[in-house]
Amino acid sequence: MAKKIEKQFYSISEVSKLTGVSQPCLRSWETEVSQLNPRRSSGGTRIYVQKDIDVILTIKKLLDNDGYTLSGVKDKLKHLDFDKAQRQRQVIEKLQSIRADLVEIRHELNLTEALAKTIIVPGDIDIEES
């Protein structure tokens, strides 16, 4: 659903680009949807985190794909656990990282095995004495 996130904090312009939702629309949703509550810097600038992006993408999907009204979206979001979704995403990302490491180890083992087959070690070959 969301693009791979590389940063911990995002500006409203970055979130707009990532989600395809205009900045004025993001500001409007913030006033309408209690689950969308970006932090503020000391200067008052909105600071979004991944959980905020998840909420935005969910709102967008419910409005665009599922035919909900904004009122319906607010009701639907009351029943969603974004903290659980974030924990699940973190587990999935960790498992994907572990899988990538294991694939790399398997590749290295295959190379090592192939190399070992090409090396002749004295004493490994029985030579008949004539």
N, C-alpha and C. Protein backbone atom coordinates (compact mmCIF):
# COMPACT_ATOMS: atom_id res chain seq x y z
N MET A 1 0.82 -1.18 0.00
CA MET A 1 0.00 0.00 0.00
C MET A 1 0.87 1.26 0.00
N ALA A 2 1.75 1.39 0.97
CA ALA A 2 2.61 2.56 1.05
C ALA A 2 3.98 2.24 0.46
N LYS A 3 4.64 3.29 0.03
CA LYS A 3 6.00 3.12 -0.45
C LYS A 3 6.91 2.82 0.73
N LYS A 4 8.03 2.23 0.43
CA LYS A 4 8.99 1.91 1.48
C LYS A 4 9.45 3.20 2.14
N ILE A 5 9.33 3.25 3.44
CA ILE A 5 9.65 4.46 4.18
C ILE A 5 11.10 4.40 4.66
N GLU A 6 11.83 5.47 4.41
CA GLU A 6 13.24 5.51 4.78
C GLU A 6 13.50 6.48 5.94
N LYS A 7 12.58 7.40 6.19
CA LYS A 7 12.80 8.41 7.21
C LYS A 7 11.86 8.19 8.39
N GLN A 8 12.17 8.84 9.48
CA GLN A 8 11.32 8.75 10.66
C GLN A 8 10.26 9.85 10.67
N PHE A 9 10.60 11.03 10.16
CA PHE A 9 9.68 12.17 10.17
C PHE A 9 9.56 12.76 8.77
N TYR A 10 8.36 13.26 8.47
CA TYR A 10 8.08 13.81 7.14
C TYR A 10 7.37 15.15 7.25
N SER A 11 7.64 16.02 6.29
CA SER A 11 6.93 17.29 6.19
C SER A 11 5.62 17.04 5.45
N ILE A 12 4.73 18.02 5.48
CA ILE A 12 3.45 17.88 4.80
C ILE A 12 3.66 17.75 3.29
N SER A 13 4.66 18.44 2.73
CA SER A 13 4.90 18.33 1.29
C SER A 13 5.39 16.93 0.92
N GLU A 14 6.23 16.34 1.76
CA GLU A 14 6.70 14.97 1.50
C GLU A 14 5.54 13.98 1.59
N VAL A 15 4.68 14.15 2.59
CA VAL A 15 3.55 13.26 2.77
C VAL A 15 2.59 13.39 1.59
N SER A 16 2.40 14.60 1.12
CA SER A 16 1.54 14.84 -0.03
C SER A 16 2.07 14.09 -1.26
N LYS A 17 3.36 14.15 -1.48
CA LYS A 17 3.96 13.44 -2.61
C LYS A 17 3.87 11.93 -2.44
N LEU A 18 4.12 11.44 -1.22
CA LEU A 18 4.08 10.00 -0.96
C LEU A 18 2.68 9.41 -1.13
N THR A 19 1.67 10.17 -0.71
CA THR A 19 0.31 9.64 -0.67
C THR A 19 -0.56 10.06 -1.85
N GLY A 20 -0.15 11.10 -2.53
CA GLY A 20 -0.98 11.61 -3.62
C GLY A 20 -2.17 12.43 -3.13
N VAL A 21 -2.12 12.89 -1.90
CA VAL A 21 -3.19 13.70 -1.32
C VAL A 21 -2.66 15.13 -1.19
N SER A 22 -3.43 16.09 -1.67
CA SER A 22 -2.97 17.48 -1.65
C SER A 22 -2.80 17.99 -0.21
N GLN A 23 -1.95 18.98 -0.07
CA GLN A 23 -1.71 19.55 1.25
C GLN A 23 -2.97 20.16 1.87
N PRO A 24 -3.77 20.92 1.11
CA PRO A 24 -5.01 21.43 1.70
C PRO A 24 -5.94 20.31 2.16
N CYS A 25 -6.00 19.23 1.40
CA CYS A 25 -6.84 18.09 1.79
C CYS A 25 -6.30 17.45 3.07
N LEU A 26 -4.99 17.31 3.19
CA LEU A 26 -4.39 16.76 4.41
C LEU A 26 -4.76 17.61 5.62
N ARG A 27 -4.68 18.94 5.45
CA ARG A 27 -5.03 19.84 6.56
C ARG A 27 -6.50 19.68 6.93
N SER A 28 -7.34 19.54 5.93
CA SER A 28 -8.78 19.37 6.17
C SER A 28 -9.05 18.06 6.91
N TRP A 29 -8.44 16.98 6.44
CA TRP A 29 -8.64 15.68 7.10
C TRP A 29 -8.18 15.73 8.55
N GLU A 30 -7.11 16.47 8.79
CA GLU A 30 -6.58 16.59 10.15
C GLU A 30 -7.64 17.17 11.10
N THR A 31 -8.43 18.11 10.61
CA THR A 31 -9.46 18.71 11.47
C THR A 31 -10.69 17.80 11.59
N GLU A 32 -10.90 16.92 10.61
CA GLU A 32 -12.09 16.07 10.58
C GLU A 32 -11.88 14.69 11.22
N VAL A 33 -10.69 14.16 11.12
CA VAL A 33 -10.42 12.77 11.52
C VAL A 33 -9.48 12.76 12.73
N SER A 34 -9.99 12.30 13.87
CA SER A 34 -9.21 12.37 15.11
C SER A 34 -7.96 11.48 15.08
N GLN A 35 -7.98 10.41 14.28
CA GLN A 35 -6.81 9.51 14.22
C GLN A 35 -5.64 10.14 13.46
N LEU A 36 -5.91 11.17 12.69
CA LEU A 36 -4.85 11.87 11.97
C LEU A 36 -4.45 13.09 12.79
N ASN A 37 -3.33 12.95 13.48
CA ASN A 37 -2.92 13.99 14.42
C ASN A 37 -1.40 14.15 14.36
N PRO A 38 -0.90 14.78 13.27
CA PRO A 38 0.56 14.93 13.18
C PRO A 38 1.10 15.81 14.30
N ARG A 39 2.31 15.52 14.69
CA ARG A 39 2.98 16.34 15.70
C ARG A 39 3.28 17.70 15.11
N ARG A 40 3.67 18.60 15.97
CA ARG A 40 4.07 19.94 15.54
C ARG A 40 5.47 20.24 16.06
N SER A 41 6.26 20.88 15.21
CA SER A 41 7.59 21.32 15.66
C SER A 41 7.41 22.55 16.54
N SER A 42 8.50 23.02 17.13
CA SER A 42 8.42 24.21 17.98
C SER A 42 7.96 25.42 17.18
N GLY A 43 8.18 25.38 15.86
CA GLY A 43 7.73 26.48 15.00
C GLY A 43 6.33 26.28 14.45
N GLY A 44 5.68 25.19 14.84
CA GLY A 44 4.31 24.94 14.41
C GLY A 44 4.18 24.14 13.13
N THR A 45 5.29 23.70 12.55
CA THR A 45 5.26 22.91 11.33
C THR A 45 4.77 21.49 11.63
N ARG A 46 3.91 20.98 10.77
CA ARG A 46 3.43 19.61 10.94
C ARG A 46 4.56 18.62 10.71
N ILE A 47 4.64 17.62 11.59
CA ILE A 47 5.64 16.56 11.48
C ILE A 47 4.89 15.24 11.46
N TYR A 48 4.93 14.56 10.32
CA TYR A 48 4.22 13.30 10.15
C TYR A 48 5.16 12.13 10.41
N VAL A 49 4.59 11.06 10.96
CA VAL A 49 5.31 9.80 11.15
C VAL A 49 4.59 8.73 10.34
N GLN A 50 5.16 7.53 10.29
CA GLN A 50 4.59 6.47 9.47
C GLN A 50 3.13 6.17 9.83
N LYS A 51 2.80 6.22 11.11
CA LYS A 51 1.41 5.96 11.52
C LYS A 51 0.46 6.97 10.87
N ASP A 52 0.87 8.23 10.78
CA ASP A 52 0.05 9.25 10.12
C ASP A 52 -0.14 8.91 8.64
N ILE A 53 0.93 8.47 8.01
CA ILE A 53 0.86 8.11 6.59
C ILE A 53 -0.08 6.92 6.41
N ASP A 54 -0.03 5.96 7.32
CA ASP A 54 -0.94 4.81 7.25
C ASP A 54 -2.40 5.26 7.35
N VAL A 55 -2.67 6.20 8.25
CA VAL A 55 -4.03 6.72 8.41
C VAL A 55 -4.46 7.42 7.12
N ILE A 56 -3.59 8.24 6.57
CA ILE A 56 -3.91 8.98 5.33
C ILE A 56 -4.21 8.01 4.20
N LEU A 57 -3.37 6.99 4.03
CA LEU A 57 -3.58 6.03 2.95
C LEU A 57 -4.87 5.24 3.16
N THR A 58 -5.21 4.98 4.40
CA THR A 58 -6.46 4.27 4.70
C THR A 58 -7.65 5.16 4.36
N ILE A 59 -7.58 6.42 4.76
CA ILE A 59 -8.66 7.36 4.43
C ILE A 59 -8.83 7.43 2.92
N LYS A 60 -7.73 7.60 2.22
CA LYS A 60 -7.76 7.72 0.76
C LYS A 60 -8.40 6.48 0.13
N LYS A 61 -8.01 5.30 0.60
CA LYS A 61 -8.57 4.06 0.05
C LYS A 61 -10.07 3.97 0.33
N LEU A 62 -10.46 4.28 1.54
CA LEU A 62 -11.88 4.20 1.89
C LEU A 62 -12.72 5.17 1.06
N LEU A 63 -12.19 6.36 0.82
CA LEU A 63 -12.92 7.36 0.03
C LEU A 63 -12.92 7.01 -1.46
N ASP A 64 -11.75 6.70 -2.00
CA ASP A 64 -11.60 6.51 -3.44
C ASP A 64 -12.05 5.13 -3.93
N ASN A 65 -11.68 4.09 -3.20
CA ASN A 65 -11.92 2.73 -3.69
C ASN A 65 -13.16 2.08 -3.09
N ASP A 66 -13.45 2.39 -1.84
CA ASP A 66 -14.52 1.68 -1.15
C ASP A 66 -15.83 2.46 -1.09
N GLY A 67 -15.83 3.68 -1.60
CA GLY A 67 -17.06 4.44 -1.70
C GLY A 67 -17.58 5.05 -0.41
N TYR A 68 -16.74 5.17 0.59
CA TYR A 68 -17.17 5.77 1.86
C TYR A 68 -17.26 7.29 1.72
N THR A 69 -18.12 7.90 2.52
CA THR A 69 -18.11 9.35 2.70
C THR A 69 -17.14 9.65 3.83
N LEU A 70 -16.81 10.91 4.01
CA LEU A 70 -15.89 11.26 5.10
C LEU A 70 -16.50 10.87 6.45
N SER A 71 -17.81 11.03 6.59
CA SER A 71 -18.49 10.62 7.82
C SER A 71 -18.35 9.10 8.03
N GLY A 72 -18.50 8.34 6.96
CA GLY A 72 -18.34 6.89 7.04
C GLY A 72 -16.92 6.49 7.36
N VAL A 73 -15.97 7.24 6.81
CA VAL A 73 -14.55 6.98 7.08
C VAL A 73 -14.28 7.17 8.57
N LYS A 74 -14.81 8.24 9.15
CA LYS A 74 -14.58 8.50 10.58
C LYS A 74 -15.12 7.36 11.43
N ASP A 75 -16.29 6.85 11.08
CA ASP A 75 -16.85 5.71 11.82
C ASP A 75 -15.99 4.46 11.64
N LYS A 76 -15.56 4.20 10.42
CA LYS A 76 -14.75 3.02 10.12
C LYS A 76 -13.41 3.07 10.88
N LEU A 77 -12.80 4.24 10.93
CA LEU A 77 -11.49 4.37 11.57
C LEU A 77 -11.55 4.13 13.07
N LYS A 78 -12.70 4.33 13.67
CA LYS A 78 -12.85 4.09 15.11
C LYS A 78 -12.56 2.63 15.46
N HIS A 79 -12.76 1.74 14.48
CA HIS A 79 -12.62 0.30 14.72
C HIS A 79 -11.27 -0.26 14.25
N LEU A 80 -10.44 0.58 13.71
CA LEU A 80 -9.14 0.12 13.22
C LEU A 80 -8.05 0.40 14.25
N ASP A 81 -7.14 -0.55 14.40
CA ASP A 81 -6.03 -0.43 15.34
C ASP A 81 -4.75 -0.16 14.56
N PHE A 82 -4.40 1.12 14.40
CA PHE A 82 -3.22 1.48 13.61
C PHE A 82 -1.92 1.11 14.32
N ASP A 83 -1.94 1.07 15.66
CA ASP A 83 -0.74 0.64 16.38
C ASP A 83 -0.44 -0.83 16.08
N LYS A 84 -1.48 -1.65 16.02
CA LYS A 84 -1.31 -3.06 15.69
C LYS A 84 -0.79 -3.20 14.26
N ALA A 85 -1.33 -2.42 13.35
CA ALA A 85 -0.89 -2.47 11.96
C ALA A 85 0.58 -2.06 11.85
N GLN A 86 0.98 -1.07 12.63
CA GLN A 86 2.37 -0.63 12.61
C GLN A 86 3.29 -1.73 13.16
N ARG A 87 2.88 -2.38 14.23
CA ARG A 87 3.68 -3.48 14.78
C ARG A 87 3.80 -4.61 13.78
N GLN A 88 2.69 -4.93 13.10
CA GLN A 88 2.72 -5.99 12.10
C GLN A 88 3.65 -5.62 10.95
N ARG A 89 3.62 -4.37 10.51
CA ARG A 89 4.50 -3.94 9.43
C ARG A 89 5.97 -4.05 9.86
N GLN A 90 6.26 -3.69 11.11
CA GLN A 90 7.64 -3.78 11.59
C GLN A 90 8.11 -5.23 11.63
N VAL A 91 7.23 -6.15 12.04
CA VAL A 91 7.58 -7.57 12.06
C VAL A 91 7.83 -8.06 10.64
N ILE A 92 6.97 -7.67 9.71
CA ILE A 92 7.12 -8.08 8.31
C ILE A 92 8.43 -7.56 7.74
N GLU A 93 8.75 -6.30 8.02
CA GLU A 93 10.00 -5.72 7.53
C GLU A 93 11.20 -6.46 8.10
N LYS A 94 11.15 -6.82 9.38
CA LYS A 94 12.25 -7.56 10.01
C LYS A 94 12.39 -8.94 9.38
N LEU A 95 11.26 -9.62 9.16
CA LEU A 95 11.29 -10.94 8.52
C LEU A 95 11.84 -10.85 7.10
N GLN A 96 11.47 -9.81 6.38
CA GLN A 96 12.00 -9.63 5.02
C GLN A 96 13.51 -9.42 5.05
N SER A 97 13.97 -8.69 6.05
CA SER A 97 15.41 -8.46 6.20
C SER A 97 16.13 -9.77 6.52
N ILE A 98 15.55 -10.56 7.41
CA ILE A 98 16.14 -11.85 7.76
C ILE A 98 16.17 -12.76 6.55
N ARG A 99 15.07 -12.78 5.79
CA ARG A 99 15.01 -13.61 4.58
C ARG A 99 16.10 -13.20 3.59
N ALA A 100 16.28 -11.90 3.39
CA ALA A 100 17.31 -11.41 2.48
C ALA A 100 18.70 -11.86 2.95
N ASP A 101 18.94 -11.80 4.25
CA ASP A 101 20.22 -12.26 4.81
C ASP A 101 20.40 -13.76 4.56
N LEU A 102 19.35 -14.55 4.76
CA LEU A 102 19.44 -15.99 4.54
C LEU A 102 19.67 -16.33 3.07
N VAL A 103 19.04 -15.61 2.18
CA VAL A 103 19.25 -15.83 0.75
C VAL A 103 20.70 -15.54 0.40
N GLU A 104 21.25 -14.47 0.96
CA GLU A 104 22.65 -14.13 0.71
C GLU A 104 23.58 -15.21 1.27
N ILE A 105 23.29 -15.71 2.46
CA ILE A 105 24.11 -16.78 3.05
C ILE A 105 24.04 -18.03 2.19
N ARG A 106 22.83 -18.37 1.72
CA ARG A 106 22.69 -19.54 0.84
C ARG A 106 23.52 -19.36 -0.42
N HIS A 107 23.49 -18.19 -0.99
CA HIS A 107 24.27 -17.90 -2.20
C HIS A 107 25.77 -18.08 -1.93
N GLU A 108 26.22 -17.54 -0.80
CA GLU A 108 27.63 -17.66 -0.44
C GLU A 108 28.01 -19.13 -0.20
N LEU A 109 27.12 -19.89 0.44
CA LEU A 109 27.39 -21.31 0.66
C LEU A 109 27.47 -22.07 -0.66
N ASN A 110 26.60 -21.75 -1.59
CA ASN A 110 26.63 -22.39 -2.91
C ASN A 110 27.93 -22.09 -3.63
N LEU A 111 28.38 -20.83 -3.53
CA LEU A 111 29.66 -20.47 -4.14
C LEU A 111 30.81 -21.20 -3.48
N THR A 112 30.78 -21.28 -2.15
CA THR A 112 31.83 -21.98 -1.41
C THR A 112 31.86 -23.46 -1.79
N GLU A 113 30.68 -24.07 -1.89
CA GLU A 113 30.59 -25.48 -2.26
C GLU A 113 31.12 -25.69 -3.69
N ALA A 114 30.77 -24.83 -4.59
CA ALA A 114 31.25 -24.94 -5.97
C ALA A 114 32.77 -24.78 -6.01
N LEU A 115 33.29 -23.86 -5.25
CA LEU A 115 34.73 -23.64 -5.20
C LEU A 115 35.43 -24.85 -4.59
N ALA A 116 34.85 -25.41 -3.54
CA ALA A 116 35.45 -26.57 -2.87
C ALA A 116 35.53 -27.76 -3.82
N LYS A 117 34.60 -27.89 -4.73
CA LYS A 117 34.61 -29.00 -5.68
C LYS A 117 35.72 -28.85 -6.72
N THR A 118 36.17 -27.63 -6.93
CA THR A 118 37.21 -27.40 -7.94
C THR A 118 38.62 -27.46 -7.37
N ILE A 119 38.74 -27.46 -6.07
CA ILE A 119 40.05 -27.49 -5.43
C ILE A 119 40.45 -28.93 -5.17
N ILE A 120 41.64 -29.30 -5.62
CA ILE A 120 42.16 -30.64 -5.36
C ILE A 120 43.15 -30.53 -4.21
N VAL A 121 42.83 -31.26 -3.16
CA VAL A 121 43.68 -31.26 -1.99
C VAL A 121 44.53 -32.53 -2.02
N PRO A 122 45.85 -32.41 -1.83
CA PRO A 122 46.69 -33.61 -1.83
C PRO A 122 46.17 -34.62 -0.81
N GLY A 123 46.10 -35.86 -1.23
CA GLY A 123 45.61 -36.92 -0.36
C GLY A 123 44.15 -37.23 -0.60
N ASP A 124 43.44 -36.34 -1.31
CA ASP A 124 42.03 -36.58 -1.61
C ASP A 124 41.85 -37.53 -2.79
N ILE A 125 42.90 -37.65 -3.63
CA ILE A 125 42.78 -38.49 -4.81
C ILE A 125 43.63 -39.72 -4.61
N ASP A 126 43.02 -40.86 -4.80
CA ASP A 126 43.75 -42.12 -4.70
C ASP A 126 44.52 -42.32 -6.02
N ILE A 127 45.81 -42.36 -5.90
CA ILE A 127 46.66 -42.62 -7.08
C ILE A 127 47.24 -44.01 -6.89
N GLU A 128 47.02 -44.83 -7.90
CA GLU A 128 47.56 -46.16 -7.82
C GLU A 128 49.04 -46.11 -8.11
N GLU A 129 49.79 -46.77 -7.25
CA GLU A 129 51.23 -46.80 -7.47
C GLU A 129 51.55 -47.88 -8.49
N SER A 130 52.42 -47.55 -9.43
CA SER A 130 52.76 -48.55 -10.44
C SER A 130 54.09 -49.17 -10.17
